[in-house]
Amino acid sequence: MFRGVSLVNLDAKGRLAVPARYRERLRAACDSQLVVTVDRDRCLLLYPESEWDTIERKLAALPAFDATARAIQRLYIGNAQDVEMDAQGRILLPQHLRDFATLDKRVAFVGQGAKFELWDELAWNARTVAALNDTAIDELAAAAGLGSFTL
């Protein structure tokens, strides 16, 4: 499980250093083979290849004649790129994916269980503030039966 936020720098070539605390786990889990794709929230999703393979199979199994299923396949599978973590723990993000997520210099590397989200630092900060102020989260918690759940 990957969790927490790390702020990292994106270099001029589009390389991003995977936070050191995750490197060995990724090497062991997927031999440094990762997959990056877009997300509807305008961030990037980064998966160990083994996790991505499961998701890709599920997406590929969606009905071929369903327009919504095809749109989802095009979005996630069509934009997926294989990336490899190098010996220094860096990955090279393709330019079109950096442009999609408006990644420039500072990137929030956000653990989300089996995957990571990659956000522009300012966009991540804005998203966090918006979530803290979102009263719909309380409604969602109540609807999900989390009323007695405490952190």
Protein backbone atom coordinates (compact mmCIF):
# COMPACT_ATOMS: atom_id res chain seq x y z
CA MET A 1 0.00 0.00 0.00
CA PHE A 2 1.28 3.41 -0.98
CA ARG A 3 0.21 6.41 1.07
CA GLY A 4 1.24 9.93 1.83
CA VAL A 5 2.31 12.94 -0.18
CA SER A 6 5.84 13.72 -1.29
CA LEU A 7 6.79 16.83 -3.22
CA VAL A 8 9.37 16.17 -5.91
CA ASN A 9 10.98 18.16 -8.69
CA LEU A 10 10.49 17.47 -12.37
CA ASP A 11 13.71 18.11 -14.26
CA ALA A 12 14.03 19.83 -17.65
CA LYS A 13 14.01 16.45 -19.45
CA GLY A 14 10.73 15.42 -17.80
CA ARG A 15 12.29 13.05 -15.29
CA LEU A 16 10.79 12.64 -11.87
CA ALA A 17 12.48 10.98 -8.89
CA VAL A 18 10.25 8.40 -7.23
CA PRO A 19 10.37 9.12 -3.48
CA ALA A 20 13.06 6.95 -1.90
CA ARG A 21 10.65 5.32 0.54
CA TYR A 22 8.82 3.61 -2.36
CA ARG A 23 11.71 2.58 -4.61
CA GLU A 24 12.61 -0.79 -3.10
CA ARG A 25 8.97 -1.84 -2.86
CA LEU A 26 8.46 -0.97 -6.52
CA ARG A 27 11.61 -2.79 -7.57
CA ALA A 28 10.44 -5.88 -5.69
CA ALA A 29 6.80 -5.67 -6.80
CA CYS A 30 7.21 -4.91 -10.48
CA ASP A 31 10.93 -4.95 -11.29
CA SER A 32 10.78 -1.15 -11.78
CA GLN A 33 8.19 -1.50 -14.58
CA LEU A 34 5.40 1.06 -14.20
CA VAL A 35 2.49 2.37 -16.24
CA VAL A 36 1.35 5.98 -16.27
CA THR A 37 -1.96 7.22 -17.68
CA VAL A 38 -4.32 10.17 -17.44
CA ASP A 39 -7.16 10.69 -14.98
CA ARG A 40 -10.36 12.68 -15.35
CA ASP A 41 -9.23 14.94 -12.49
CA ARG A 42 -6.35 16.20 -14.71
CA CYS A 43 -3.66 14.38 -12.80
CA LEU A 44 -1.68 11.32 -13.83
CA LEU A 45 -2.09 7.83 -12.41
CA LEU A 46 1.05 5.76 -11.88
CA TYR A 47 0.70 2.00 -11.36
CA PRO A 48 3.11 -0.85 -10.80
CA GLU A 49 2.79 -2.82 -14.04
CA SER A 50 1.23 -5.84 -12.30
CA GLU A 51 -1.55 -3.65 -10.84
CA TRP A 52 -2.13 -1.98 -14.18
CA ASP A 53 -2.40 -5.33 -15.97
CA THR A 54 -5.41 -6.24 -13.81
CA ILE A 55 -7.11 -2.91 -14.53
CA GLU A 56 -6.37 -3.09 -18.24
CA ARG A 57 -7.91 -6.56 -18.48
CA LYS A 58 -11.09 -5.31 -16.80
CA LEU A 59 -11.26 -2.27 -19.08
CA ALA A 60 -10.62 -4.38 -22.18
CA ALA A 61 -13.47 -6.72 -21.18
CA LEU A 62 -16.05 -3.90 -21.30
CA PRO A 63 -18.67 -4.21 -24.07
CA ALA A 64 -17.14 -3.23 -27.42
CA PHE A 65 -20.39 -1.74 -28.74
CA ASP A 66 -21.06 0.46 -25.71
CA ALA A 67 -20.02 4.05 -26.44
CA THR A 68 -19.30 4.88 -22.81
CA ALA A 69 -17.14 1.79 -22.37
CA ARG A 70 -15.18 2.68 -25.50
CA ALA A 71 -14.68 6.24 -24.26
CA ILE A 72 -13.30 4.92 -20.97
CA GLN A 73 -11.00 2.50 -22.81
CA ARG A 74 -9.70 5.29 -25.04
CA LEU A 75 -9.09 7.57 -22.06
CA TYR A 76 -7.26 5.15 -19.80
CA ILE A 77 -5.77 2.48 -22.07
CA GLY A 78 -5.23 4.80 -25.02
CA ASN A 79 -3.17 7.21 -22.92
CA ALA A 80 -1.27 4.57 -20.95
CA GLN A 81 2.51 4.57 -21.32
CA ASP A 82 5.05 2.10 -20.01
CA VAL A 83 7.78 3.77 -17.95
CA GLU A 84 10.76 2.24 -16.19
CA MET A 85 12.36 3.43 -13.00
CA ASP A 86 16.08 3.85 -13.68
CA ALA A 87 18.97 3.03 -11.33
CA GLN A 88 18.65 6.47 -9.71
CA GLY A 89 14.94 5.92 -9.03
CA ARG A 90 13.72 8.27 -11.76
CA ILE A 91 10.98 7.87 -14.33
CA LEU A 92 10.64 9.79 -17.58
CA LEU A 93 7.15 11.19 -18.07
CA PRO A 94 6.17 11.66 -21.72
CA GLN A 95 5.65 15.29 -22.73
CA HIS A 96 1.99 14.85 -23.74
CA LEU A 97 1.17 13.43 -20.31
CA ARG A 98 3.04 16.24 -18.54
CA ASP A 99 1.07 18.72 -20.63
CA PHE A 100 -2.22 16.98 -19.84
CA ALA A 101 -1.65 17.29 -16.08
CA THR A 102 0.11 20.68 -16.39
CA LEU A 103 3.18 19.29 -14.62
CA ASP A 104 5.94 21.84 -14.76
CA LYS A 105 8.44 21.89 -11.91
CA ARG A 106 6.98 20.79 -8.56
CA VAL A 107 4.94 17.59 -8.48
CA ALA A 108 2.90 16.11 -5.63
CA PHE A 109 3.47 12.36 -5.60
CA VAL A 110 0.37 11.06 -3.80
CA GLY A 111 0.08 7.47 -2.58
CA GLN A 112 -3.39 6.03 -3.16
CA GLY A 113 -3.12 2.44 -2.01
CA ALA A 114 -2.15 0.36 -5.06
CA LYS A 115 -1.25 3.37 -7.21
CA PHE A 116 0.02 6.94 -7.13
CA GLU A 117 -1.48 10.17 -8.38
CA LEU A 118 0.86 12.79 -9.82
CA TRP A 119 -0.39 16.35 -9.43
CA ASP A 120 0.97 19.80 -10.11
CA GLU A 121 1.81 21.02 -6.60
CA LEU A 122 -0.47 24.07 -6.76
CA ALA A 123 -3.36 22.03 -8.18
CA TRP A 124 -2.91 19.45 -5.40
CA ASN A 125 -2.92 22.15 -2.72
CA ALA A 126 -6.06 23.71 -4.20
CA ARG A 127 -7.76 20.29 -4.39
CA THR A 128 -6.90 19.63 -0.73
CA VAL A 129 -8.33 22.97 0.42
CA ALA A 130 -11.48 22.40 -1.65
CA ALA A 131 -11.95 18.94 -0.08
CA LEU A 132 -11.57 20.36 3.42
CA ASN A 133 -14.30 22.88 2.68
CA ASP A 134 -16.63 20.49 0.84
CA THR A 135 -19.75 19.77 2.89
CA ALA A 136 -20.71 17.03 0.43
CA ILE A 137 -17.98 14.89 2.04
CA ASP A 138 -20.07 14.81 5.23
CA GLU A 139 -23.11 13.73 3.21
CA LEU A 140 -21.09 11.04 1.45
CA ALA A 141 -19.75 9.74 4.76
CA ALA A 142 -23.27 9.51 6.14
CA ALA A 143 -24.58 7.76 3.02
CA ALA A 144 -21.70 5.27 3.10
CA GLY A 145 -22.47 4.36 6.70
CA LEU A 146 -19.38 6.07 8.02
CA GLY A 147 -21.29 8.10 10.60
CA SER A 148 -19.60 6.36 13.52
CA PHE A 149 -16.22 6.17 11.79
CA THR A 150 -13.52 8.31 13.39
CA LEU A 151 -10.00 9.20 12.33
